[in-house]
Amino acid sequence: MSEDITAVELKKRLSSGEALQFIDVREEWEHEEVNIGARCIPLHSLPTRLGELGARSQEIIVHCKSGARGKQARKYLTSHGFENVRNLAGGIEAFLKS
């Protein structure tokens, strides 16, 4: 499964206390301005930080500002054997509006 996750679904999962592999692929300064609970691994850092992501079968949810970098991250991760990568549809902008 490598489909987008909606802001509403993500909010439900976060509020339930579910432990998620949740990655913010924006730049550090963006993450410092607004953080919704994800670990920051900027998109350009992914190639050198794949070892931090654990099992390739584990679900990973990525997000960025609007969804574009998240889509790039999902594509990159799936091309490197990660089987279950989901992008936050509309990014943090959609999350904050929902």
PDB file of N, CA and C in Angstrom:
ATOM      1  N   MET A   1       0.847  -1.172   0.000  1.00  0.00           N
ATOM      2  CA  MET A   1       0.000   0.000   0.000  1.00  0.00           C
ATOM      3  C   MET A   1       0.893   1.236   0.000  1.00  0.00           C
ATOM      4  N   SER A   2       0.762   2.068  -0.992  1.00  0.00           N
ATOM      5  CA  SER A   2       1.493   3.331  -1.037  1.00  0.00           C
ATOM      6  C   SER A   2       0.550   4.403  -1.523  1.00  0.00           C
ATOM      7  N   GLU A   3      -0.414   4.724  -0.685  1.00  0.00           N
ATOM      8  CA  GLU A   3      -1.399   5.724  -1.059  1.00  0.00           C
ATOM      9  C   GLU A   3      -1.297   6.900  -0.097  1.00  0.00           C
ATOM     10  N   ASP A   4      -1.929   7.981  -0.481  1.00  0.00           N
ATOM     11  CA  ASP A   4      -1.958   9.135   0.407  1.00  0.00           C
ATOM     12  C   ASP A   4      -2.813   8.828   1.637  1.00  0.00           C
ATOM     13  N   ILE A   5      -2.509   9.519   2.723  1.00  0.00           N
ATOM     14  CA  ILE A   5      -3.328   9.464   3.919  1.00  0.00           C
ATOM     15  C   ILE A   5      -3.959  10.846   4.059  1.00  0.00           C
ATOM     16  N   THR A   6      -5.217  10.901   4.431  1.00  0.00           N
ATOM     17  CA  THR A   6      -5.872  12.193   4.586  1.00  0.00           C
ATOM     18  C   THR A   6      -5.513  12.802   5.940  1.00  0.00           C
ATOM     19  N   ALA A   7      -5.665  14.113   6.014  1.00  0.00           N
ATOM     20  CA  ALA A   7      -5.401  14.817   7.270  1.00  0.00           C
ATOM     21  C   ALA A   7      -6.327  14.299   8.369  1.00  0.00           C
ATOM     22  N   VAL A   8      -7.582  14.033   8.030  1.00  0.00           N
ATOM     23  CA  VAL A   8      -8.548  13.558   9.022  1.00  0.00           C
ATOM     24  C   VAL A   8      -8.118  12.191   9.568  1.00  0.00           C
ATOM     25  N   GLU A   9      -7.723  11.278   8.673  1.00  0.00           N
ATOM     26  CA  GLU A   9      -7.279   9.949   9.119  1.00  0.00           C
ATOM     27  C   GLU A   9      -6.035  10.064   9.988  1.00  0.00           C
ATOM     28  N   LEU A  10      -5.080  10.897   9.578  1.00  0.00           N
ATOM     29  CA  LEU A  10      -3.857  11.056  10.352  1.00  0.00           C
ATOM     30  C   LEU A  10      -4.154  11.636  11.728  1.00  0.00           C
ATOM     31  N   LYS A  11      -5.006  12.641  11.797  1.00  0.00           N
ATOM     32  CA  LYS A  11      -5.359  13.238  13.089  1.00  0.00           C
ATOM     33  C   LYS A  11      -5.984  12.204  14.021  1.00  0.00           C
ATOM     34  N   LYS A  12      -6.863  11.356  13.490  1.00  0.00           N
ATOM     35  CA  LYS A  12      -7.492  10.308  14.306  1.00  0.00           C
ATOM     36  C   LYS A  12      -6.423   9.366  14.859  1.00  0.00           C
ATOM     37  N   ARG A  13      -5.494   8.967  13.996  1.00  0.00           N
ATOM     38  CA  ARG A  13      -4.457   8.032  14.428  1.00  0.00           C
ATOM     39  C   ARG A  13      -3.519   8.662  15.446  1.00  0.00           C
ATOM     40  N   LEU A  14      -3.164   9.924  15.256  1.00  0.00           N
ATOM     41  CA  LEU A  14      -2.300  10.613  16.215  1.00  0.00           C
ATOM     42  C   LEU A  14      -3.011  10.815  17.554  1.00  0.00           C
ATOM     43  N   SER A  15      -4.288  11.192  17.509  1.00  0.00           N
ATOM     44  CA  SER A  15      -5.016  11.454  18.758  1.00  0.00           C
ATOM     45  C   SER A  15      -5.294  10.173  19.535  1.00  0.00           C
ATOM     46  N   SER A  16      -5.284   9.034  18.846  1.00  0.00           N
ATOM     47  CA  SER A  16      -5.496   7.759  19.541  1.00  0.00           C
ATOM     48  C   SER A  16      -4.233   7.291  20.257  1.00  0.00           C
ATOM     49  N   GLY A  17      -3.136   8.004  20.022  1.00  0.00           N
ATOM     50  CA  GLY A  17      -1.878   7.629  20.664  1.00  0.00           C
ATOM     51  C   GLY A  17      -1.111   6.546  19.930  1.00  0.00           C
ATOM     52  N   GLU A  18      -1.559   6.222  18.722  1.00  0.00           N
ATOM     53  CA  GLU A  18      -0.887   5.186  17.927  1.00  0.00           C
ATOM     54  C   GLU A  18       0.562   5.588  17.639  1.00  0.00           C
ATOM     55  N   ALA A  19       1.456   4.649  17.828  1.00  0.00           N
ATOM     56  CA  ALA A  19       2.875   4.908  17.512  1.00  0.00           C
ATOM     57  C   ALA A  19       3.041   4.829  15.999  1.00  0.00           C
ATOM     58  N   LEU A  20       3.466   5.918  15.408  1.00  0.00           N
ATOM     59  CA  LEU A  20       3.617   5.985  13.954  1.00  0.00           C
ATOM     60  C   LEU A  20       5.056   6.301  13.583  1.00  0.00           C
ATOM     61  N   GLN A  21       5.483   5.757  12.465  1.00  0.00           N
ATOM     62  CA  GLN A  21       6.747   6.179  11.852  1.00  0.00           C
ATOM     63  C   GLN A  21       6.353   7.368  10.972  1.00  0.00           C
ATOM     64  N   PHE A  22       6.524   8.569  11.510  1.00  0.00           N
ATOM     65  CA  PHE A  22       5.987   9.790  10.922  1.00  0.00           C
ATOM     66  C   PHE A  22       7.153  10.735  10.654  1.00  0.00           C
ATOM     67  N   ILE A  23       7.394  11.028   9.370  1.00  0.00           N
ATOM     68  CA  ILE A  23       8.575  11.776   8.948  1.00  0.00           C
ATOM     69  C   ILE A  23       8.176  13.081   8.258  1.00  0.00           C
ATOM     70  N   ASP A  24       8.770  14.176   8.710  1.00  0.00           N
ATOM     71  CA  ASP A  24       8.607  15.490   8.100  1.00  0.00           C
ATOM     72  C   ASP A  24       9.789  15.686   7.156  1.00  0.00           C
ATOM     73  N   VAL A  25       9.522  15.804   5.856  1.00  0.00           N
ATOM     74  CA  VAL A  25      10.614  15.929   4.887  1.00  0.00           C
ATOM     75  C   VAL A  25      10.894  17.380   4.501  1.00  0.00           C
ATOM     76  N   ARG A  26      10.320  18.311   5.264  1.00  0.00           N
ATOM     77  CA  ARG A  26      10.631  19.731   5.043  1.00  0.00           C
ATOM     78  C   ARG A  26      12.005  20.029   5.636  1.00  0.00           C
ATOM     79  N   GLU A  27      12.477  21.242   5.406  1.00  0.00           N
ATOM     80  CA  GLU A  27      13.755  21.672   5.957  1.00  0.00           C
ATOM     81  C   GLU A  27      13.635  21.871   7.473  1.00  0.00           C
ATOM     82  N   GLU A  28      14.783  21.813   8.161  1.00  0.00           N
ATOM     83  CA  GLU A  28      14.807  21.961   9.618  1.00  0.00           C
ATOM     84  C   GLU A  28      14.102  23.239  10.067  1.00  0.00           C
ATOM     85  N   TRP A  29      14.368  24.363   9.376  1.00  0.00           N
ATOM     86  CA  TRP A  29      13.762  25.629   9.796  1.00  0.00           C
ATOM     87  C   TRP A  29      12.251  25.595   9.661  1.00  0.00           C
ATOM     88  N   GLU A  30      11.734  24.885   8.663  1.00  0.00           N
ATOM     89  CA  GLU A  30      10.283  24.770   8.495  1.00  0.00           C
ATOM     90  C   GLU A  30       9.689  23.947   9.634  1.00  0.00           C
ATOM     91  N   HIS A  31      10.388  22.870   9.964  1.00  0.00           N
ATOM     92  CA  HIS A  31       9.960  21.984  11.046  1.00  0.00           C
ATOM     93  C   HIS A  31       9.937  22.733  12.379  1.00  0.00           C
ATOM     94  N   GLU A  32      10.932  23.589  12.599  1.00  0.00           N
ATOM     95  CA  GLU A  32      10.993  24.371  13.842  1.00  0.00           C
ATOM     96  C   GLU A  32       9.837  25.361  13.931  1.00  0.00           C
ATOM     97  N   GLU A  33       9.404  25.886  12.792  1.00  0.00           N
ATOM     98  CA  GLU A  33       8.288  26.842  12.784  1.00  0.00           C
ATOM     99  C   GLU A  33       6.963  26.165  13.125  1.00  0.00           C
ATOM    100  N   VAL A  34       6.708  24.998  12.523  1.00  0.00           N
ATOM    101  CA  VAL A  34       5.465  24.261  12.750  1.00  0.00           C
ATOM    102  C   VAL A  34       5.796  22.775  12.770  1.00  0.00           C
ATOM    103  N   ASN A  35       5.546  22.138  13.911  1.00  0.00           N
ATOM    104  CA  ASN A  35       5.831  20.715  14.074  1.00  0.00           C
ATOM    105  C   ASN A  35       4.554  20.032  14.539  1.00  0.00           C
ATOM    106  N   ILE A  36       4.105  19.038  13.788  1.00  0.00           N
ATOM    107  CA  ILE A  36       2.877  18.321  14.161  1.00  0.00           C
ATOM    108  C   ILE A  36       3.189  16.931  14.706  1.00  0.00           C
ATOM    109  N   GLY A  37       4.406  16.749  15.187  1.00  0.00           N
ATOM    110  CA  GLY A  37       4.751  15.507  15.853  1.00  0.00           C
ATOM    111  C   GLY A  37       5.595  14.540  15.055  1.00  0.00           C
ATOM    112  N   ALA A  38       6.018  14.958  13.874  1.00  0.00           N
ATOM    113  CA  ALA A  38       6.850  14.088  13.034  1.00  0.00           C
ATOM    114  C   ALA A  38       8.327  14.324  13.322  1.00  0.00           C
ATOM    115  N   ARG A  39       9.125  13.316  13.006  1.00  0.00           N
ATOM    116  CA  ARG A  39      10.583  13.464  13.087  1.00  0.00           C
ATOM    117  C   ARG A  39      11.057  14.127  11.794  1.00  0.00           C
ATOM    118  N   CYS A  40      11.948  15.084  11.899  1.00  0.00           N
ATOM    119  CA  CYS A  40      12.411  15.818  10.720  1.00  0.00           C
ATOM    120  C   CYS A  40      13.599  15.111  10.068  1.00  0.00           C
ATOM    121  N   ILE A  41      13.376  14.671   8.843  1.00  0.00           N
ATOM    122  CA  ILE A  41      14.448  14.169   7.977  1.00  0.00           C
ATOM    123  C   ILE A  41      14.227  14.855   6.629  1.00  0.00           C
ATOM    124  N   PRO A  42      14.899  15.984   6.397  1.00  0.00           N
ATOM    125  CA  PRO A  42      14.675  16.715   5.146  1.00  0.00           C
ATOM    126  C   PRO A  42      14.856  15.823   3.914  1.00  0.00           C
ATOM    127  N   LEU A  43      14.077  16.110   2.898  1.00  0.00           N
ATOM    128  CA  LEU A  43      14.087  15.318   1.666  1.00  0.00           C
ATOM    129  C   LEU A  43      15.501  15.071   1.156  1.00  0.00           C
ATOM    130  N   HIS A  44      16.338  16.094   1.131  1.00  0.00           N
ATOM    131  CA  HIS A  44      17.694  15.942   0.600  1.00  0.00           C
ATOM    132  C   HIS A  44      18.559  15.029   1.485  1.00  0.00           C
ATOM    133  N   SER A  45      18.139  14.784   2.720  1.00  0.00           N
ATOM    134  CA  SER A  45      18.897  13.926   3.641  1.00  0.00           C
ATOM    135  C   SER A  45      18.495  12.454   3.580  1.00  0.00           C
ATOM    136  N   LEU A  46      17.379  12.166   2.941  1.00  0.00           N
ATOM    137  CA  LEU A  46      16.890  10.775   2.920  1.00  0.00           C
ATOM    138  C   LEU A  46      17.945   9.764   2.461  1.00  0.00           C
ATOM    139  N   PRO A  47      18.688  10.029   1.379  1.00  0.00           N
ATOM    140  CA  PRO A  47      19.641   9.009   0.914  1.00  0.00           C
ATOM    141  C   PRO A  47      20.667   8.588   1.968  1.00  0.00           C
ATOM    142  N   THR A  48      21.047   9.498   2.850  1.00  0.00           N
ATOM    143  CA  THR A  48      22.057   9.155   3.859  1.00  0.00           C
ATOM    144  C   THR A  48      21.446   8.718   5.186  1.00  0.00           C
ATOM    145  N   ARG A  49      20.107   8.740   5.270  1.00  0.00           N
ATOM    146  CA  ARG A  49      19.472   8.428   6.553  1.00  0.00           C
ATOM    147  C   ARG A  49      18.480   7.263   6.481  1.00  0.00           C
ATOM    148  N   LEU A  50      18.547   6.486   5.401  1.00  0.00           N
ATOM    149  CA  LEU A  50      17.627   5.355   5.250  1.00  0.00           C
ATOM    150  C   LEU A  50      17.728   4.371   6.404  1.00  0.00           C
ATOM    151  N   GLY A  51      18.926   4.221   6.957  1.00  0.00           N
ATOM    152  CA  GLY A  51      19.132   3.282   8.064  1.00  0.00           C
ATOM    153  C   GLY A  51      18.350   3.623   9.312  1.00  0.00           C
ATOM    154  N   GLU A  52      17.886   4.850   9.427  1.00  0.00           N
ATOM    155  CA  GLU A  52      17.113   5.276  10.594  1.00  0.00           C
ATOM    156  C   GLU A  52      15.649   4.860  10.512  1.00  0.00           C
ATOM    157  N   LEU A  53      15.236   4.354   9.361  1.00  0.00           N
ATOM    158  CA  LEU A  53      13.813   4.127   9.131  1.00  0.00           C
ATOM    159  C   LEU A  53      13.315   2.740   9.505  1.00  0.00           C
ATOM    160  N   GLY A  54      14.183   1.847   9.893  1.00  0.00           N
ATOM    161  CA  GLY A  54      13.736   0.538  10.346  1.00  0.00           C
ATOM    162  C   GLY A  54      13.337  -0.396   9.216  1.00  0.00           C
ATOM    163  N   ALA A  55      12.452  -1.315   9.559  1.00  0.00           N
ATOM    164  CA  ALA A  55      12.040  -2.374   8.631  1.00  0.00           C
ATOM    165  C   ALA A  55      11.365  -1.797   7.393  1.00  0.00           C
ATOM    166  N   ARG A  56      11.726  -2.342   6.258  1.00  0.00           N
ATOM    167  CA  ARG A  56      11.183  -1.842   4.995  1.00  0.00           C
ATOM    168  C   ARG A  56       9.703  -2.184   4.819  1.00  0.00           C
ATOM    169  N   SER A  57       9.172  -3.078   5.630  1.00  0.00           N
ATOM    170  CA  SER A  57       7.758  -3.424   5.545  1.00  0.00           C
ATOM    171  C   SER A  57       6.894  -2.561   6.468  1.00  0.00           C
ATOM    172  N   GLN A  58       7.507  -1.821   7.368  1.00  0.00           N
ATOM    173  CA  GLN A  58       6.778  -0.991   8.321  1.00  0.00           C
ATOM    174  C   GLN A  58       6.170   0.218   7.610  1.00  0.00           C
ATOM    175  N   GLU A  59       4.972   0.605   8.024  1.00  0.00           N
ATOM    176  CA  GLU A  59       4.337   1.794   7.457  1.00  0.00           C
ATOM    177  C   GLU A  59       5.140   3.038   7.828  1.00  0.00           C
ATOM    178  N   ILE A  60       5.344   3.891   6.846  1.00  0.00           N
ATOM    179  CA  ILE A  60       5.982   5.190   7.050  1.00  0.00           C
ATOM    180  C   ILE A  60       5.035   6.240   6.475  1.00  0.00           C
ATOM    181  N   ILE A  61       4.758   7.265   7.271  1.00  0.00           N
ATOM    182  CA  ILE A  61       3.938   8.379   6.798  1.00  0.00           C
ATOM    183  C   ILE A  61       4.863   9.581   6.660  1.00  0.00           C
ATOM    184  N   VAL A  62       4.866  10.187   5.482  1.00  0.00           N
ATOM    185  CA  VAL A  62       5.703  11.359   5.234  1.00  0.00           C
ATOM    186  C   VAL A  62       4.806  12.573   5.024  1.00  0.00           C
ATOM    187  N   HIS A  63       5.339  13.732   5.366  1.00  0.00           N
ATOM    188  CA  HIS A  63       4.606  14.967   5.073  1.00  0.00           C
ATOM    189  C   HIS A  63       5.576  16.093   4.771  1.00  0.00           C
ATOM    190  N   CYS A  64       5.044  17.086   4.079  1.00  0.00           N
ATOM    191  CA  CYS A  64       5.788  18.313   3.785  1.00  0.00           C
ATOM    192  C   CYS A  64       4.808  19.467   3.934  1.00  0.00           C
ATOM    193  N   LYS A  65       5.030  20.543   3.231  1.00  0.00           N
ATOM    194  CA  LYS A  65       4.140  21.698   3.355  1.00  0.00           C
ATOM    195  C   LYS A  65       2.828  21.497   2.597  1.00  0.00           C
ATOM    196  N   SER A  66       2.929  21.089   1.329  1.00  0.00           N
ATOM    197  CA  SER A  66       1.720  20.987   0.503  1.00  0.00           C
ATOM    198  C   SER A  66       1.501  19.606  -0.110  1.00  0.00           C
ATOM    199  N   GLY A  67       2.461  18.733   0.007  1.00  0.00           N
ATOM    200  CA  GLY A  67       2.324  17.382  -0.526  1.00  0.00           C
ATOM    201  C   GLY A  67       3.316  17.026  -1.614  1.00  0.00           C
ATOM    202  N   ALA A  68       3.939  18.017  -2.249  1.00  0.00           N
ATOM    203  CA  ALA A  68       4.840  17.745  -3.383  1.00  0.00           C
ATOM    204  C   ALA A  68       6.121  17.040  -2.946  1.00  0.00           C
ATOM    205  N   ARG A  69       6.788  17.549  -1.929  1.00  0.00           N
ATOM    206  CA  ARG A  69       8.014  16.895  -1.448  1.00  0.00           C
ATOM    207  C   ARG A  69       7.691  15.546  -0.822  1.00  0.00           C
ATOM    208  N   GLY A  70       6.525  15.449  -0.207  1.00  0.00           N
ATOM    209  CA  GLY A  70       6.103  14.168   0.353  1.00  0.00           C
ATOM    210  C   GLY A  70       5.952  13.114  -0.734  1.00  0.00           C
ATOM    211  N   LYS A  71       5.400  13.511  -1.878  1.00  0.00           N
ATOM    212  CA  LYS A  71       5.276  12.587  -3.008  1.00  0.00           C
ATOM    213  C   LYS A  71       6.651  12.154  -3.498  1.00  0.00           C
ATOM    214  N   GLN A  72       7.602  13.101  -3.555  1.00  0.00           N
ATOM    215  CA  GLN A  72       8.965  12.754  -3.971  1.00  0.00           C
ATOM    216  C   GLN A  72       9.583  11.785  -2.965  1.00  0.00           C
ATOM    217  N   ALA A  73       9.373  12.036  -1.680  1.00  0.00           N
ATOM    218  CA  ALA A  73       9.919  11.156  -0.641  1.00  0.00           C
ATOM    219  C   ALA A  73       9.320   9.764  -0.749  1.00  0.00           C
ATOM    220  N   ARG A  74       7.991   9.689  -0.961  1.00  0.00           N
ATOM    221  CA  ARG A  74       7.332   8.386  -1.107  1.00  0.00           C
ATOM    222  C   ARG A  74       7.911   7.632  -2.306  1.00  0.00           C
ATOM    223  N   LYS A  75       8.081   8.325  -3.410  1.00  0.00           N
ATOM    224  CA  LYS A  75       8.633   7.692  -4.611  1.00  0.00           C
ATOM    225  C   LYS A  75      10.056   7.193  -4.347  1.00  0.00           C
ATOM    226  N   TYR A  76      10.874   8.015  -3.709  1.00  0.00           N
ATOM    227  CA  TYR A  76      12.254   7.636  -3.412  1.00  0.00           C
ATOM    228  C   TYR A  76      12.293   6.421  -2.481  1.00  0.00           C
ATOM    229  N   LEU A  77      11.511   6.472  -1.421  1.00  0.00           N
ATOM    230  CA  LEU A  77      11.528   5.367  -0.447  1.00  0.00           C
ATOM    231  C   LEU A  77      11.016   4.065  -1.063  1.00  0.00           C
ATOM    232  N   THR A  78       9.947   4.144  -1.839  1.00  0.00           N
ATOM    233  CA  THR A  78       9.440   2.910  -2.453  1.00  0.00           C
ATOM    234  C   THR A  78      10.436   2.354  -3.455  1.00  0.00           C
ATOM    235  N   SER A  79      11.173   3.242  -4.138  1.00  0.00           N
ATOM    236  CA  SER A  79      12.181   2.763  -5.089  1.00  0.00           C
ATOM    237  C   SER A  79      13.370   2.121  -4.368  1.00  0.00           C
ATOM    238  N   HIS A  80      13.482   2.348  -3.071  1.00  0.00           N
ATOM    239  CA  HIS A  80      14.547   1.744  -2.270  1.00  0.00           C
ATOM    240  C   HIS A  80      14.027   0.641  -1.353  1.00  0.00           C
ATOM    241  N   GLY A  81      12.899   0.055  -1.740  1.00  0.00           N
ATOM    242  CA  GLY A  81      12.420  -1.146  -1.085  1.00  0.00           C
ATOM    243  C   GLY A  81      11.466  -0.954   0.077  1.00  0.00           C
ATOM    244  N   PHE A  82      11.113   0.274   0.416  1.00  0.00           N
ATOM    245  CA  PHE A  82      10.124   0.480   1.474  1.00  0.00           C
ATOM    246  C   PHE A  82       8.748   0.213   0.877  1.00  0.00           C
ATOM    247  N   GLU A  83       8.002  -0.664   1.521  1.00  0.00           N
ATOM    248  CA  GLU A  83       6.793  -1.223   0.918  1.00  0.00           C
ATOM    249  C   GLU A  83       5.510  -0.483   1.262  1.00  0.00           C
ATOM    250  N   ASN A  84       5.516   0.310   2.320  1.00  0.00           N
ATOM    251  CA  ASN A  84       4.268   0.874   2.814  1.00  0.00           C
ATOM    252  C   ASN A  84       4.476   2.345   3.198  1.00  0.00           C
ATOM    253  N   VAL A  85       4.656   3.182   2.195  1.00  0.00           N
ATOM    254  CA  VAL A  85       4.918   4.603   2.421  1.00  0.00           C
ATOM    255  C   VAL A  85       3.688   5.397   2.011  1.00  0.00           C
ATOM    256  N   ARG A  86       3.220   6.232   2.923  1.00  0.00           N
ATOM    257  CA  ARG A  86       2.042   7.056   2.655  1.00  0.00           C
ATOM    258  C   ARG A  86       2.406   8.524   2.812  1.00  0.00           C
ATOM    259  N   ASN A  87       1.858   9.332   1.945  1.00  0.00           N
ATOM    260  CA  ASN A  87       2.091  10.777   1.958  1.00  0.00           C
ATOM    261  C   ASN A  87       0.851  11.471   2.497  1.00  0.00           C
ATOM    262  N   LEU A  88       1.045  12.468   3.352  1.00  0.00           N
ATOM    263  CA  LEU A  88      -0.075  13.262   3.846  1.00  0.00           C
ATOM    264  C   LEU A  88      -0.613  14.128   2.707  1.00  0.00           C
ATOM    265  N   ALA A  89      -1.809  13.815   2.240  1.00  0.00           N
ATOM    266  CA  ALA A  89      -2.426  14.553   1.129  1.00  0.00           C
ATOM    267  C   ALA A  89      -2.595  16.016   1.520  1.00  0.00           C
ATOM    268  N   GLY A  90      -2.044  16.904   0.705  1.00  0.00           N
ATOM    269  CA  GLY A  90      -2.147  18.331   0.965  1.00  0.00           C
ATOM    270  C   GLY A  90      -1.153  18.850   1.983  1.00  0.00           C
ATOM    271  N   GLY A  91      -0.350  17.955   2.538  1.00  0.00           N
ATOM    272  CA  GLY A  91       0.706  18.329   3.465  1.00  0.00           C
ATOM    273  C   GLY A  91       0.194  18.959   4.749  1.00  0.00           C
ATOM    274  N   ILE A  92       1.109  19.643   5.410  1.00  0.00           N
ATOM    275  CA  ILE A  92       0.799  20.258   6.694  1.00  0.00           C
ATOM    276  C   ILE A  92      -0.284  21.341   6.524  1.00  0.00           C
ATOM    277  N   GLU A  93      -0.359  21.939   5.357  1.00  0.00           N
ATOM    278  CA  GLU A  93      -1.399  22.941   5.119  1.00  0.00           C
ATOM    279  C   GLU A  93      -2.787  22.324   5.275  1.00  0.00           C
ATOM    280  N   ALA A  94      -2.994  21.141   4.713  1.00  0.00           N
ATOM    281  CA  ALA A  94      -4.281  20.450   4.842  1.00  0.00           C
ATOM    282  C   ALA A  94      -4.512  20.007   6.282  1.00  0.00           C
ATOM    283  N   PHE A  95      -3.469  19.562   6.948  1.00  0.00           N
ATOM    284  CA  PHE A  95      -3.570  19.100   8.329  1.00  0.00           C
ATOM    285  C   PHE A  95      -4.039  20.248   9.235  1.00  0.00           C
ATOM    286  N   LEU A  96      -3.455  21.414   9.065  1.00  0.00           N
ATOM    287  CA  LEU A  96      -3.795  22.549   9.922  1.00  0.00           C
ATOM    288  C   LEU A  96      -5.202  23.088   9.635  1.00  0.00           C
ATOM    289  N   LYS A  97      -5.698  22.879   8.422  1.00  0.00           N
ATOM    290  CA  LYS A  97      -7.031  23.351   8.050  1.00  0.00           C
ATOM    291  C   LYS A  97      -8.130  22.370   8.460  1.00  0.00           C
ATOM    292  N   SER A  98      -7.767  21.113   8.671  1.00  0.00           N
ATOM    293  CA  SER A  98      -8.815  20.101   8.954  1.00  0.00           C
ATOM    294  C   SER A  98      -9.232  20.094  10.402  1.00  0.00           C
TER     295      SER A  98
END
